[in-house]
Every structure is written in C-alpha cells, then in structure tokens.
C-alpha cells in the first residue's frame, strides 16, 4: 500500500521557527524502531544533513542509522555523537567541505562557470577530504600498492572523521550504525554493523572508497571499496535483519531515479549518473514490499492451523512468517537548477546550503503530515509513503538556520 505525501518543491529557509519547521512528533515509538537510511552521493549528501536536522527538531532521533559512502559519513557523525552535539558536528563537517572563495568566484562565470569550478575541485582536491596522489599520475601501470592505488589520498578525511566522530560512542549502539562496503576480491556487499562488531574510522572510510578516485581500505584480510558500486541504497539491510522489528524507516535518496530525455552530451552524462547511483531504489523497495507481504501471509496462514496439527515441517515453514509492520518514508532530493554530471563534487557554499535547506524543508513537511499515523488494515505489513522534491532554486540560507 502506498500513501502519497502532499506537496512539492522546497521552501528556501531552514531557520528554526520558519513555517516549514517540524512539529514535535509524539508517541512515535508505537511504530517501532526509527531507522534512517542514507545513500551515497558526495556533495549531494548535504541534503541528508537537512533531513536529520528536521528529525532532530521534531524529537525523532533514530535508533539505527544505515549509510553508504557520504551516507556512511553522515551516519557515523550522527551515531558518534550525543543528540545535542549531532547538528553541531554535521555543520562542522559540511563547513569544512566548502571548497572556498576562488572556486565560488569561478562558478559565477556564465555557462561554463559551475563546471569549471567543479573541475578545479577535481584537480586540486578538497581540504579536509581528499588530495591528489602525485604518484597516480606517473603512469597507469606504476605499482602503487593495493591501499594506495587511487587518484587521490583520503588521509585528510580520516583525520576529519577522527576529530568529529567518537567511535567509543558508536560502540554503544545508541543509535546502531551500519555502513555498506564492496569486497574487492569477491564482489560481495558487506554491511559492517556496530551491533555485531567494533567499528572504526576505517569502516567508514571503506564505505566511501570510490574507485578509481579513492584507494581501497583494508579491513582485516580483505580490501573494500565504496558500497555504492553494488548497492547505493542500503535499505535492504533493514528488511534482511535478524529479529525483525516494527519500523518507521526514512529512506533518503539523493539521486533522481526519474528524469527527462537527455538531448545534449552534458544531459546524457548527468542522467547516466542518476541511473547508475539511484541503484534501482524504487524496484528494491517494491521487491522488499512484496517479500514482507508474503511474510505476513505466511504468519496469517499459521494462525489458521491448530497447534495440534503443526508438524515439525509445518513449524519450520511458519518460521518464515513475520507480522511486523514497516512504514517506509521515501525522501527524494530535488534537482538544483542547472546542475550537471559533476553535481556530486559541487562543494560550493551555495550548493551545500541549498541542499541542506531542501532536506530540512521536505522532511519538515512530511513530519507535519505524519502519514504513518493513519489507520491501516492488519494485512498491511509494508506501507510506502512517497515524498518527492521538484527542481529547486539556488538561493538559500546557511545550513542549520544561520544567515
């Protein structure tokens, strides 16, 4: 069953007290655990910070945060800080990601300015995140070592995360943290989970090690790349979890699965990237919806079988049943007007604050609507609530409500 959240577009301000500010959510625990699922997408991840800010202001703190790539970075900042510090640390991370005044001035040049500014970021790196690896440009066949084979070094990101994330706090699983990475050797998706093992900065780095830009990260005896290579929308981690619980899941998508037909090479490159990294998110969610409904059917059929007639074989089959209810709120980041295929490295101050504000406004609108609080039938085990943004303007206020 799908419930549509009304409204589209984005309000330009995320200032506390603005009309779009989220109302406090009361008694939300009756819907089970609160789960926040974050896609990968570089600079587009500023939208996720706005989503969390709106949840935080509504008193809706997640019990479980799942992320890939930039989603894993945002997730680790949330899980690795106490609630009162999370927005502060997210602001600090995204403040450090600001590419600087020179690039922003170049971006003002008509037509080619934004692309040129993003090319400057690619050429020079981004302080606090990545820096060019000179040896990588000495020759494609030059042996660099498995953990150095990347166009950039991410040692600066490691330092940034070490300063902003308390991994001792992550170990307390309040909230639980899961980050997805791709095993380089086996091509299998691996979810590292703070419930089951001790996570370190290396696990988050591995989740964001996108080749060929960033080198693989070794965890134990295995090398890992960015989880977005295999699954950039790690929502399946919720539904494949053992001991499934009733859940209110906020799935935050920052790549657009739908778009217009491209008519220029620039539009082709942009659309290709959206398709690649949206990771068939809608299809994945629909498939999970079907599977969960089947679990409900099995459980309901089991109720009709008297205890005296339940053979060991029937009991084994009934263990596949599940009566948990999953509400999935799908938040889709709108496009910034004029963006192109380099949008994921648009670390401009304006791009960051515009996307942050968009995430805040859209989430506030959903929290004020609260579609999960409506009455649904017992047969509805999986309910999808869509919230889709449109094209947004490029004006806005600084993240977190500061002018």
Protein backbone atom coordinates (compact mmCIF):
# COMPACT_ATOMS: atom_id res chain seq x y z
CA UNK A 1 0.00 0.00 0.00
CA UNK A 2 1.33 3.45 -0.89
CA UNK A 3 0.43 6.74 0.75
CA UNK A 4 1.31 9.95 -1.06
CA UNK A 5 2.63 12.86 0.97
CA UNK A 6 1.19 16.08 -0.47
CA UNK A 7 3.31 18.99 -1.57
CA UNK A 8 6.30 19.50 -3.81
CA UNK A 9 9.15 21.90 -4.28
CA UNK A 10 11.29 23.31 -1.50
CA UNK A 11 10.99 26.18 0.92
CA UNK A 12 14.17 28.27 0.81
CA UNK A 13 14.80 28.54 4.55
CA UNK A 14 15.58 26.05 7.29
CA UNK A 15 15.60 28.63 10.06
CA UNK A 16 14.10 27.40 13.31
CA UNK A 17 10.63 28.90 13.65
CA UNK A 18 10.03 29.10 9.88
CA UNK A 19 6.65 27.98 8.57
CA UNK A 20 8.12 24.64 7.47
CA UNK A 21 9.54 23.87 10.92
CA UNK A 22 8.54 20.35 12.00
CA UNK A 23 6.01 19.91 14.78
CA UNK A 24 7.13 17.68 17.67
CA UNK A 25 6.32 14.03 17.00
CA UNK A 26 4.67 12.39 19.99
CA UNK A 27 4.46 8.73 20.92
CA UNK A 28 6.34 7.73 17.78
CA UNK A 29 7.69 4.59 19.47
CA UNK A 30 4.37 2.87 18.92
CA UNK A 31 5.54 2.46 15.32
CA UNK A 32 8.68 0.62 16.42
CA UNK A 33 12.31 1.48 15.86
CA UNK A 34 13.22 4.63 13.92
CA UNK A 35 15.62 3.87 11.04
CA UNK A 36 17.46 6.43 8.88
CA UNK A 37 18.87 5.07 5.58
CA UNK A 38 21.31 7.29 3.64
CA UNK A 39 22.51 6.90 0.03
CA UNK A 40 25.96 7.72 -1.27
CA UNK A 41 26.47 10.76 -3.49
CA UNK A 42 29.29 13.09 -2.46
CA UNK A 43 28.23 16.73 -2.16
CA UNK A 44 24.58 15.71 -2.59
CA UNK A 45 24.79 14.34 0.95
CA UNK A 46 24.20 17.81 2.38
CA UNK A 47 20.50 17.07 1.77
CA UNK A 48 20.78 14.24 4.33
CA UNK A 49 22.06 16.63 6.99
CA UNK A 50 18.94 18.75 6.50
CA UNK A 51 16.77 15.64 6.82
CA UNK A 52 18.37 14.76 10.13
CA UNK A 53 18.05 18.35 11.42
CA UNK A 54 14.28 18.28 10.85
CA UNK A 55 14.00 14.90 12.57
CA UNK A 56 16.09 16.14 15.49
CA UNK A 57 13.98 19.25 15.96
CA UNK A 58 10.83 17.09 15.96
CA UNK A 59 12.30 14.85 18.65
CA UNK A 60 12.59 11.92 16.26
CA UNK A 61 16.05 10.51 16.98
CA UNK A 62 16.97 7.37 15.03
CA UNK A 63 17.56 4.03 16.74
CA UNK A 64 19.51 2.80 13.72
CA UNK A 65 21.42 4.70 11.03
CA UNK A 66 22.49 2.94 7.83
CA UNK A 67 24.67 4.56 5.19
CA UNK A 68 26.86 4.11 2.15
CA UNK A 69 29.68 6.46 1.10
CA UNK A 70 28.74 10.05 2.07
CA UNK A 71 25.70 8.48 3.71
CA UNK A 72 28.05 6.43 5.89
CA UNK A 73 29.96 9.59 6.80
CA UNK A 74 26.81 11.46 7.82
CA UNK A 75 25.57 8.35 9.63
CA UNK A 76 28.81 8.00 11.60
CA UNK A 77 28.62 11.64 12.70
CA UNK A 78 25.07 11.05 13.95
CA UNK A 79 25.90 7.77 15.69
CA UNK A 80 29.23 9.01 17.02
CA UNK A 81 27.87 11.99 18.93
CA UNK A 82 25.30 12.60 21.64
CA UNK A 83 22.00 14.12 20.37
CA UNK A 84 22.85 17.65 21.49
CA UNK A 85 26.13 17.59 19.52
CA UNK A 86 24.96 15.96 16.29
CA UNK A 87 23.81 19.07 14.42
CA UNK A 88 26.90 20.96 15.58
CA UNK A 89 29.19 18.24 14.24
CA UNK A 90 27.27 17.89 10.98
CA UNK A 91 27.54 21.66 10.45
CA UNK A 92 31.26 21.48 11.17
CA UNK A 93 31.80 18.64 8.71
CA UNK A 94 29.96 20.44 5.91
CA UNK A 95 31.66 23.74 6.78
CA UNK A 96 34.99 22.01 6.20
CA UNK A 97 33.75 20.67 2.86
CA UNK A 98 33.26 24.22 1.50
CA UNK A 99 35.63 24.39 -1.49
CA UNK A 100 36.50 28.07 -0.95
CA UNK A 101 36.03 31.53 -2.38
CA UNK A 102 38.18 31.15 -5.51
CA UNK A 103 36.10 28.26 -6.86
CA UNK A 104 32.89 30.06 -5.97
CA UNK A 105 34.01 33.13 -7.94
CA UNK A 106 34.84 30.97 -10.95
CA UNK A 107 31.40 29.35 -10.70
CA UNK A 108 29.79 32.75 -11.38
CA UNK A 109 31.13 32.79 -14.96
CA UNK A 110 28.15 32.35 -17.33
CA UNK A 111 27.57 28.94 -18.93
CA UNK A 112 30.88 27.22 -18.11
CA UNK A 113 31.49 28.61 -14.61
CA UNK A 114 29.91 25.85 -12.47
CA UNK A 115 31.59 23.06 -14.45
CA UNK A 116 34.95 24.88 -14.30
CA UNK A 117 34.64 25.30 -10.53
CA UNK A 118 33.92 21.59 -10.10
CA UNK A 119 36.88 20.78 -12.33
CA UNK A 120 39.04 22.88 -10.00
CA UNK A 121 37.87 20.73 -7.10
CA UNK A 122 38.76 17.60 -9.09
CA UNK A 123 42.19 18.98 -9.92
CA UNK A 124 43.12 20.46 -6.54
CA UNK A 125 41.25 18.19 -4.14
CA UNK A 126 39.14 19.29 -1.19
CA UNK A 127 40.73 20.31 2.07
CA UNK A 128 39.61 18.05 4.87
CA UNK A 129 38.53 15.34 2.44
CA UNK A 130 40.90 14.34 -0.38
CA UNK A 131 44.13 15.48 -2.03
CA UNK A 132 45.72 14.49 -5.38
CA UNK A 133 48.04 11.48 -5.29
CA UNK A 134 51.01 12.57 -7.47
CA UNK A 135 52.26 9.01 -7.95
CA UNK A 136 48.96 8.00 -9.53
CA UNK A 137 49.65 10.35 -12.43
CA UNK A 138 53.14 8.97 -13.11
CA UNK A 139 51.68 6.13 -15.16
CA UNK A 140 48.63 3.88 -15.13
CA UNK A 141 50.76 0.75 -14.77
CA UNK A 142 53.02 2.03 -11.99
CA UNK A 143 52.66 -0.27 -8.93
CA UNK A 144 51.27 1.84 -6.10
CA UNK A 145 50.18 -0.84 -3.66
CA UNK A 146 46.64 -2.07 -3.06
CA UNK A 147 45.94 0.55 -0.37
CA UNK A 148 47.43 3.48 -2.30
CA UNK A 149 46.02 2.78 -5.78
CA UNK A 150 43.79 5.80 -6.17
CA UNK A 151 43.91 9.17 -7.91
CA UNK A 152 43.59 10.86 -4.53
CA UNK A 153 44.63 10.29 -0.95
CA UNK A 154 41.89 10.36 1.69
CA UNK A 155 44.14 10.77 4.73
CA UNK A 156 42.59 14.18 5.35
CA UNK A 157 39.12 12.62 5.54
CA UNK A 158 40.43 10.12 8.07
CA UNK A 159 41.66 13.00 10.21
CA UNK A 160 38.36 14.87 9.84
CA UNK A 161 36.32 11.85 10.91
CA UNK A 162 38.64 11.11 13.81
CA UNK A 163 38.03 14.64 15.11
CA UNK A 164 34.24 14.65 14.58
CA UNK A 165 33.21 11.07 15.44
CA UNK A 166 33.53 9.37 18.83
CA UNK A 167 33.86 5.70 17.90
CA UNK A 168 33.67 4.66 21.55
CA UNK A 169 30.17 6.13 21.47
CA UNK A 170 29.43 4.27 18.21
CA UNK A 171 30.23 1.04 20.07
CA UNK A 172 27.38 1.74 22.49
CA UNK A 173 24.92 1.37 19.54
CA UNK A 174 22.78 4.32 20.63
CA UNK A 175 22.00 4.53 17.78
CA UNK A 176 23.13 1.41 15.98
CA UNK A 177 25.35 2.14 12.98
CA UNK A 178 25.63 0.09 9.78
CA UNK A 179 27.85 1.01 6.82
CA UNK A 180 27.98 -0.78 3.48
CA UNK A 181 31.13 -1.60 1.51
CA UNK A 182 32.01 -3.72 -1.53
CA UNK A 183 34.51 -6.57 -1.14
CA UNK A 184 37.12 -6.00 -3.88
CA UNK A 185 38.05 -9.69 -4.15
CA UNK A 186 34.61 -11.34 -4.03
CA UNK A 187 32.39 -8.51 -5.35
CA UNK A 188 30.02 -9.14 -2.43
CA UNK A 189 28.25 -6.44 -0.43
CA UNK A 190 29.36 -6.34 3.21
CA UNK A 191 27.43 -4.50 5.90
CA UNK A 192 29.55 -3.63 8.93
CA UNK A 193 27.26 -3.32 11.94
CA UNK A 194 28.09 -1.82 15.34
CA UNK A 195 25.67 -4.32 16.92
CA UNK A 196 27.86 -7.21 15.83
CA UNK A 197 31.40 -5.81 15.75
CA UNK A 198 33.54 -2.83 16.71
CA UNK A 199 33.50 -0.17 14.01
CA UNK A 200 36.40 2.22 13.47
CA UNK A 201 37.14 5.11 11.16
CA UNK A 202 38.45 2.53 8.66
CA UNK A 203 34.98 1.03 8.21
CA UNK A 204 33.52 4.41 7.32
CA UNK A 205 36.46 5.12 5.01
CA UNK A 206 35.93 1.78 3.28
CA UNK A 207 32.29 2.60 2.64
CA UNK A 208 33.36 5.78 0.83
CA UNK A 209 36.38 4.44 -1.08
CA UNK A 210 35.01 5.07 -4.58
CA UNK A 211 37.43 3.86 -7.29
CA UNK A 212 39.40 4.95 -9.17
CA UNK A 213 39.37 8.23 -7.26
CA UNK A 214 39.92 6.80 -3.78
CA UNK A 215 42.07 3.81 -2.79
CA UNK A 216 40.59 0.67 -1.27
CA UNK A 217 40.64 0.27 2.51
CA UNK A 218 41.74 -2.94 4.19
CA UNK A 219 39.54 -4.37 6.94
CA UNK A 220 41.12 -7.50 8.38
CA UNK A 221 42.43 -9.51 5.43
CA UNK A 222 40.09 -8.04 2.82
CA UNK A 223 40.08 -4.89 0.72
CA UNK A 224 36.89 -2.85 0.38
CA UNK A 225 35.61 -0.19 -1.98
CA UNK A 226 32.62 2.13 -1.83
CA UNK A 227 29.42 0.16 -1.21
CA UNK A 228 27.66 2.26 -3.84
CA UNK A 229 29.33 0.13 -6.52
CA UNK A 230 26.99 -2.72 -5.56
CA UNK A 231 24.12 -1.14 -3.63
CA UNK A 232 23.95 2.61 -3.21
CA UNK A 233 20.61 2.41 -1.38
CA UNK A 234 21.22 0.08 1.58
CA UNK A 235 17.56 -0.22 2.62
CA UNK A 236 17.71 -4.00 2.28
CA UNK A 237 19.76 -4.09 5.48
CA UNK A 238 16.57 -3.25 7.39
CA UNK A 239 14.45 -6.00 5.88
CA UNK A 240 17.17 -8.66 5.92
CA UNK A 241 17.91 -8.01 9.58
CA UNK A 242 17.55 -10.83 12.07
CA UNK A 243 14.87 -10.39 14.74
CA UNK A 244 12.84 -8.03 12.57
CA UNK A 245 11.04 -5.24 14.44
CA UNK A 246 8.21 -2.86 13.66
CA UNK A 247 9.97 0.05 11.99
CA UNK A 248 9.50 3.60 10.76
CA UNK A 249 12.15 3.87 8.04
CA UNK A 250 13.26 7.17 6.48
CA UNK A 251 14.98 6.22 3.20
CA UNK A 252 16.82 9.28 1.89
CA UNK A 253 17.54 9.21 -1.84
CA UNK A 254 19.82 11.85 -3.34
CA UNK A 255 19.98 10.59 -6.94
CA UNK A 256 16.92 11.02 -9.13
CA UNK A 257 15.54 7.72 -10.49
CA UNK A 258 13.26 9.59 -12.91
CA UNK A 259 14.18 12.32 -15.37
CA UNK A 260 13.61 13.82 -18.78
CA UNK A 261 15.07 12.53 -22.03
CA UNK A 262 18.58 13.98 -22.46
CA UNK A 263 19.25 15.93 -25.65
CA UNK A 264 22.88 17.03 -25.07
CA UNK A 265 26.02 15.17 -24.08
CA UNK A 266 26.04 17.03 -20.76
CA UNK A 267 22.47 15.91 -20.08
CA UNK A 268 23.37 12.34 -21.07
CA UNK A 269 26.25 12.28 -18.58
CA UNK A 270 24.04 13.71 -15.85
CA UNK A 271 21.19 11.27 -16.49
CA UNK A 272 23.59 8.31 -16.72
CA UNK A 273 24.95 9.11 -13.28
CA UNK A 274 21.46 9.41 -11.80
CA UNK A 275 20.53 5.99 -13.19
CA UNK A 276 23.78 4.40 -12.03
CA UNK A 277 23.66 5.60 -8.44
CA UNK A 278 19.93 5.56 -7.80
CA UNK A 279 20.60 1.79 -7.78
CA UNK A 280 17.09 0.84 -8.85
CA UNK A 281 15.98 2.09 -5.44
CA UNK A 282 12.27 2.08 -6.27
CA UNK A 283 12.47 -1.51 -7.56
CA UNK A 284 14.36 -2.62 -4.46
CA UNK A 285 11.74 -1.11 -2.18
CA UNK A 286 8.90 -2.66 -4.18
CA UNK A 287 10.58 -6.07 -4.02
CA UNK A 288 11.03 -5.74 -0.27
CA UNK A 289 7.38 -4.75 -0.04
CA UNK A 290 6.38 -7.94 -1.86
CA UNK A 291 8.61 -10.11 0.32
CA UNK A 292 7.33 -8.60 3.53
CA UNK A 293 3.72 -9.01 2.45
CA UNK A 294 4.47 -12.70 1.81
CA UNK A 295 5.87 -12.97 5.34
CA UNK A 296 2.59 -11.54 6.58
CA UNK A 297 0.63 -14.08 4.54
CA UNK A 298 2.65 -16.97 5.98
CA UNK A 299 2.11 -15.71 9.53
CA UNK A 300 -1.63 -15.24 8.97
CA UNK A 301 -1.97 -18.73 7.48
CA UNK A 302 -0.16 -20.09 10.52
CA UNK A 303 -2.81 -18.62 12.76
CA UNK A 304 -5.39 -20.78 10.97
CA UNK A 305 -3.52 -24.02 11.72
CA UNK A 306 -4.40 -25.52 15.13
CA UNK A 307 -1.46 -26.17 17.41
CA UNK A 308 -2.23 -29.90 17.40
CA UNK A 309 -1.80 -30.06 13.62
CA UNK A 310 1.54 -28.29 13.43
CA UNK A 311 4.07 -30.92 12.42
CA UNK A 312 7.82 -30.17 12.65
CA UNK A 313 7.80 -29.49 8.90
CA UNK A 314 4.93 -27.01 9.21
CA UNK A 315 6.61 -25.28 12.15
CA UNK A 316 9.76 -24.88 10.08
CA UNK A 317 7.76 -23.27 7.28
CA UNK A 318 5.91 -20.96 9.67
CA UNK A 319 9.22 -19.56 10.91
CA UNK A 320 9.36 -17.69 7.60
CA UNK A 321 6.32 -15.70 8.70
CA UNK A 322 6.53 -12.24 10.19
CA UNK A 323 3.84 -9.87 11.47
CA UNK A 324 5.98 -6.79 11.89
CA UNK A 325 4.82 -3.58 10.20
CA UNK A 326 7.21 -1.47 8.16
CA UNK A 327 6.44 2.16 7.33
CA UNK A 328 8.94 3.41 4.73
CA UNK A 329 9.07 7.17 4.10
CA UNK A 330 10.97 7.73 0.87
CA UNK A 331 12.52 11.21 0.68
CA UNK A 332 13.83 12.19 -2.74
CA UNK A 333 16.20 15.14 -3.08
CA UNK A 334 15.14 17.63 -5.77
CA UNK A 335 17.47 18.75 -8.53
CA UNK A 336 19.33 22.03 -8.29
CA UNK A 337 18.55 24.16 -11.35
CA UNK A 338 21.39 23.96 -13.85
CA UNK A 339 23.23 21.06 -12.19
CA UNK A 340 25.25 18.66 -14.35
CA UNK A 341 27.06 15.34 -14.05
CA UNK A 342 29.65 16.90 -11.72
CA UNK A 343 27.00 17.79 -9.12
CA UNK A 344 28.39 15.25 -6.65
CA UNK A 345 31.55 17.35 -6.36
CA UNK A 346 29.66 20.65 -6.09
CA UNK A 347 31.05 21.53 -2.68
CA UNK A 348 30.21 25.20 -3.09
CA UNK A 349 28.85 27.05 -0.06
CA UNK A 350 25.68 27.79 -2.02
CA UNK A 351 25.24 24.19 -3.19
CA UNK A 352 25.72 22.82 0.33
CA UNK A 353 23.28 25.20 1.99
CA UNK A 354 20.69 24.85 -0.77
CA UNK A 355 20.66 21.06 -0.50
CA UNK A 356 20.71 21.17 3.31
CA UNK A 357 17.72 23.52 3.32
CA UNK A 358 15.89 21.28 0.83
CA UNK A 359 16.33 18.24 3.07
CA UNK A 360 15.10 20.18 6.07
CA UNK A 361 12.04 21.61 4.31
CA UNK A 362 10.91 18.36 2.70
CA UNK A 363 11.33 16.37 5.91
CA UNK A 364 9.54 19.02 7.97
CA UNK A 365 6.63 18.80 5.56
CA UNK A 366 6.47 15.01 5.92
CA UNK A 367 6.74 15.17 9.70
CA UNK A 368 3.88 17.62 9.82
CA UNK A 369 1.77 15.29 7.64
CA UNK A 370 2.73 12.05 9.51
CA UNK A 371 1.17 9.57 7.07
CA UNK A 372 2.26 6.64 9.24
CA UNK A 373 -0.23 7.68 11.92
CA UNK A 374 -3.26 6.92 9.75
CA UNK A 375 -5.32 3.77 10.28
CA UNK A 376 -4.32 0.78 8.17
CA UNK A 377 -5.59 -2.79 7.93
CA UNK A 378 -3.92 -5.72 9.67
CA UNK A 379 -2.95 -7.11 6.26
CA UNK A 380 -0.76 -4.08 5.52
CA UNK A 381 2.69 -5.12 6.66
CA UNK A 382 4.65 -2.71 4.45
CA UNK A 383 3.48 0.84 3.78
CA UNK A 384 5.38 3.15 1.45
CA UNK A 385 4.96 6.91 1.84
CA UNK A 386 6.43 8.90 -1.05
CA UNK A 387 7.78 12.43 -0.66
CA UNK A 388 9.26 13.78 -3.89
CA UNK A 389 11.02 17.09 -4.34
CA UNK A 390 10.98 19.09 -7.55
CA UNK A 391 13.51 21.45 -9.11
CA UNK A 392 14.78 23.91 -6.55
CA UNK A 393 16.25 27.36 -6.87
CA UNK A 394 19.85 28.04 -5.94
CA UNK A 395 19.19 30.65 -3.27
CA UNK A 396 19.07 29.70 0.38
CA UNK A 397 20.39 30.25 3.87
CA UNK A 398 23.33 28.68 5.60
CA UNK A 399 22.82 25.14 6.93
CA UNK A 400 21.32 24.81 10.34
CA UNK A 401 19.39 28.05 10.32
CA UNK A 402 22.24 30.59 10.28
CA UNK A 403 22.29 33.51 7.89
